[in-house]
Amino acid sequence: MNPSDIILELQELTATNKKGVEALYEAETNLARTELELDQTEAGAFISAAGSIAERTAVAKLESAEARFQRDLAKAQVNRVRTKLRVIESAIMAQATMSKLMQAEMKL
């Protein structure tokens, strides 16, 4: 690997990292929306249900199951984007280390 390859790789990783930051924002925004929908669905179901507190809670959980599932998927998406960002950042550090090693070899 020559210095121009490392520079090109660093540029590509940096560009991907910038896209990842935007993807993380979108994933977090989606998570916030799904949490809001879950809260609204669960509260509405609880209020409209009849019976004891335990019965109303059970009905609310049952009626909000799909919203809870969507929230869980949104959480998984946020975690996946964060993991990908960490991998990209590690690759950037590895390329930077390779660059420094090449510079050190050239000085010898």
C-alpha atoms as a PDB file:
ATOM      1  CA  MET A   1       0.000   0.000   0.000  1.00  0.00           C
ATOM      2  CA  ASN A   2       1.414   3.360  -0.972  1.00  0.00           C
ATOM      3  CA  PRO A   3       0.732   6.791   0.542  1.00  0.00           C
ATOM      4  CA  SER A   4      -1.786   7.769  -2.147  1.00  0.00           C
ATOM      5  CA  ASP A   5      -3.802   4.613  -1.405  1.00  0.00           C
ATOM      6  CA  ILE A   6      -3.888   5.498   2.283  1.00  0.00           C
ATOM      7  CA  ILE A   7      -4.967   9.057   1.532  1.00  0.00           C
ATOM      8  CA  LEU A   8      -7.717   7.813  -0.775  1.00  0.00           C
ATOM      9  CA  GLU A   9      -8.904   5.300   1.826  1.00  0.00           C
ATOM     10  CA  LEU A  10      -8.924   7.979   4.535  1.00  0.00           C
ATOM     11  CA  GLN A  11     -10.952  10.291   2.311  1.00  0.00           C
ATOM     12  CA  GLU A  12     -13.488   7.558   1.600  1.00  0.00           C
ATOM     13  CA  LEU A  13     -13.751   6.581   5.268  1.00  0.00           C
ATOM     14  CA  THR A  14     -14.171  10.210   6.303  1.00  0.00           C
ATOM     15  CA  ALA A  15     -16.942  10.714   3.739  1.00  0.00           C
ATOM     16  CA  THR A  16     -18.669   7.537   4.918  1.00  0.00           C
ATOM     17  CA  ASN A  17     -18.319   8.671   8.519  1.00  0.00           C
ATOM     18  CA  LYS A  18     -20.035  11.978   7.696  1.00  0.00           C
ATOM     19  CA  LYS A  19     -22.908  10.071   6.077  1.00  0.00           C
ATOM     20  CA  GLY A  20     -23.051   7.861   9.159  1.00  0.00           C
ATOM     21  CA  VAL A  21     -23.496  10.858  11.424  1.00  0.00           C
ATOM     22  CA  GLU A  22     -26.506  11.914   9.345  1.00  0.00           C
ATOM     23  CA  ALA A  23     -27.843   8.343   9.377  1.00  0.00           C
ATOM     24  CA  LEU A  24     -27.524   8.295  13.166  1.00  0.00           C
ATOM     25  CA  TYR A  25     -29.516  11.517  13.428  1.00  0.00           C
ATOM     26  CA  GLU A  26     -32.249  10.064  11.217  1.00  0.00           C
ATOM     27  CA  ALA A  27     -32.314   6.825  13.219  1.00  0.00           C
ATOM     28  CA  GLU A  28     -32.533   8.716  16.519  1.00  0.00           C
ATOM     29  CA  THR A  29     -35.320  10.908  15.129  1.00  0.00           C
ATOM     30  CA  ASN A  30     -37.188   7.804  14.002  1.00  0.00           C
ATOM     31  CA  LEU A  31     -36.715   6.289  17.463  1.00  0.00           C
ATOM     32  CA  ALA A  32     -38.165   9.404  19.101  1.00  0.00           C
ATOM     33  CA  ARG A  33     -41.201   9.240  16.790  1.00  0.00           C
ATOM     34  CA  THR A  34     -41.803   5.575  17.524  1.00  0.00           C
ATOM     35  CA  GLU A  35     -41.491   6.172  21.273  1.00  0.00           C
ATOM     36  CA  LEU A  36     -44.047   8.976  21.009  1.00  0.00           C
ATOM     37  CA  GLU A  37     -46.395   6.711  19.070  1.00  0.00           C
ATOM     38  CA  LEU A  38     -45.953   3.943  21.640  1.00  0.00           C
ATOM     39  CA  ASP A  39     -46.696   6.307  24.530  1.00  0.00           C
ATOM     40  CA  GLN A  40     -49.780   7.702  22.810  1.00  0.00           C
ATOM     41  CA  THR A  41     -51.108   4.279  21.831  1.00  0.00           C
ATOM     42  CA  GLU A  42     -50.531   2.780  25.260  1.00  0.00           C
ATOM     43  CA  ALA A  43     -52.010   5.756  27.129  1.00  0.00           C
ATOM     44  CA  GLY A  44     -55.033   5.904  24.845  1.00  0.00           C
ATOM     45  CA  ALA A  45     -55.673   2.190  25.240  1.00  0.00           C
ATOM     46  CA  PHE A  46     -55.321   2.433  29.020  1.00  0.00           C
ATOM     47  CA  ILE A  47     -57.756   5.346  29.239  1.00  0.00           C
ATOM     48  CA  SER A  48     -60.365   3.709  27.015  1.00  0.00           C
ATOM     49  CA  ALA A  49     -60.150   0.279  28.667  1.00  0.00           C
ATOM     50  CA  ALA A  50     -62.557  -0.820  31.383  1.00  0.00           C
ATOM     51  CA  GLY A  51     -61.840  -2.846  34.477  1.00  0.00           C
ATOM     52  CA  SER A  52     -59.257  -2.844  37.226  1.00  0.00           C
ATOM     53  CA  ILE A  53     -55.856  -1.180  36.894  1.00  0.00           C
ATOM     54  CA  ALA A  54     -54.256  -4.552  36.136  1.00  0.00           C
ATOM     55  CA  GLU A  55     -56.846  -5.303  33.435  1.00  0.00           C
ATOM     56  CA  ARG A  56     -56.476  -1.861  31.891  1.00  0.00           C
ATOM     57  CA  THR A  57     -52.693  -2.189  31.922  1.00  0.00           C
ATOM     58  CA  ALA A  58     -52.899  -5.594  30.230  1.00  0.00           C
ATOM     59  CA  VAL A  59     -55.251  -4.252  27.554  1.00  0.00           C
ATOM     60  CA  ALA A  60     -53.012  -1.233  26.972  1.00  0.00           C
ATOM     61  CA  LYS A  61     -49.932  -3.446  26.560  1.00  0.00           C
ATOM     62  CA  LEU A  62     -51.784  -5.746  24.210  1.00  0.00           C
ATOM     63  CA  GLU A  63     -53.106  -2.912  22.057  1.00  0.00           C
ATOM     64  CA  SER A  64     -49.721  -1.186  21.922  1.00  0.00           C
ATOM     65  CA  ALA A  65     -47.718  -4.330  21.079  1.00  0.00           C
ATOM     66  CA  GLU A  66     -47.182  -3.327  17.433  1.00  0.00           C
ATOM     67  CA  ALA A  67     -46.050   0.173  18.433  1.00  0.00           C
ATOM     68  CA  ARG A  68     -43.680  -1.376  20.992  1.00  0.00           C
ATOM     69  CA  PHE A  69     -42.295  -3.683  18.305  1.00  0.00           C
ATOM     70  CA  GLN A  70     -41.705  -0.712  15.981  1.00  0.00           C
ATOM     71  CA  ARG A  71     -39.945   1.116  18.819  1.00  0.00           C
ATOM     72  CA  ASP A  72     -37.716  -1.902  19.439  1.00  0.00           C
ATOM     73  CA  LEU A  73     -36.835  -2.046  15.741  1.00  0.00           C
ATOM     74  CA  ALA A  74     -35.990   1.666  15.814  1.00  0.00           C
ATOM     75  CA  LYS A  75     -33.711   1.072  18.824  1.00  0.00           C
ATOM     76  CA  ALA A  76     -31.983  -1.730  16.949  1.00  0.00           C
ATOM     77  CA  GLN A  77     -31.472   0.591  13.982  1.00  0.00           C
ATOM     78  CA  VAL A  78     -29.858   3.245  16.192  1.00  0.00           C
ATOM     79  CA  ASN A  79     -27.571   0.633  17.741  1.00  0.00           C
ATOM     80  CA  ARG A  80     -26.589  -0.701  14.308  1.00  0.00           C
ATOM     81  CA  VAL A  81     -25.703   2.769  13.019  1.00  0.00           C
ATOM     82  CA  ARG A  82     -23.647   3.447  16.155  1.00  0.00           C
ATOM     83  CA  THR A  83     -21.818   0.151  15.703  1.00  0.00           C
ATOM     84  CA  LYS A  84     -21.075   0.926  12.062  1.00  0.00           C
ATOM     85  CA  LEU A  85     -19.750   4.349  13.049  1.00  0.00           C
ATOM     86  CA  ARG A  86     -17.408   2.744  15.583  1.00  0.00           C
ATOM     87  CA  VAL A  87     -16.132   0.354  12.906  1.00  0.00           C
ATOM     88  CA  ILE A  88     -15.507   3.255  10.516  1.00  0.00           C
ATOM     89  CA  GLU A  89     -13.728   5.233  13.218  1.00  0.00           C
ATOM     90  CA  SER A  90     -11.533   2.209  13.972  1.00  0.00           C
ATOM     91  CA  ALA A  91     -10.681   1.887  10.294  1.00  0.00           C
ATOM     92  CA  ILE A  92      -9.771   5.576  10.161  1.00  0.00           C
ATOM     93  CA  MET A  93      -7.460   5.113  13.149  1.00  0.00           C
ATOM     94  CA  ALA A  94      -5.884   2.044  11.540  1.00  0.00           C
ATOM     95  CA  GLN A  95      -5.244   3.932   8.302  1.00  0.00           C
ATOM     96  CA  ALA A  96      -3.776   6.853  10.224  1.00  0.00           C
ATOM     97  CA  THR A  97      -1.475   4.452  12.072  1.00  0.00           C
ATOM     98  CA  MET A  98      -0.383   2.890   8.777  1.00  0.00           C
ATOM     99  CA  SER A  99       0.349   6.353   7.450  1.00  0.00           C
ATOM    100  CA  LYS A 100       2.519   7.186  10.445  1.00  0.00           C
ATOM    101  CA  LEU A 101       4.368   3.893  10.123  1.00  0.00           C
ATOM    102  CA  MET A 102       5.058   4.596   6.447  1.00  0.00           C
ATOM    103  CA  GLN A 103       6.345   8.060   7.325  1.00  0.00           C
ATOM    104  CA  ALA A 104       8.645   6.549   9.928  1.00  0.00           C
ATOM    105  CA  GLU A 105       9.963   4.012   7.402  1.00  0.00           C
ATOM    106  CA  MET A 106      10.638   6.755   4.857  1.00  0.00           C
ATOM    107  CA  LYS A 107      12.718   8.655   7.389  1.00  0.00           C
ATOM    108  CA  LEU A 108      14.986   5.647   7.905  1.00  0.00           C
END
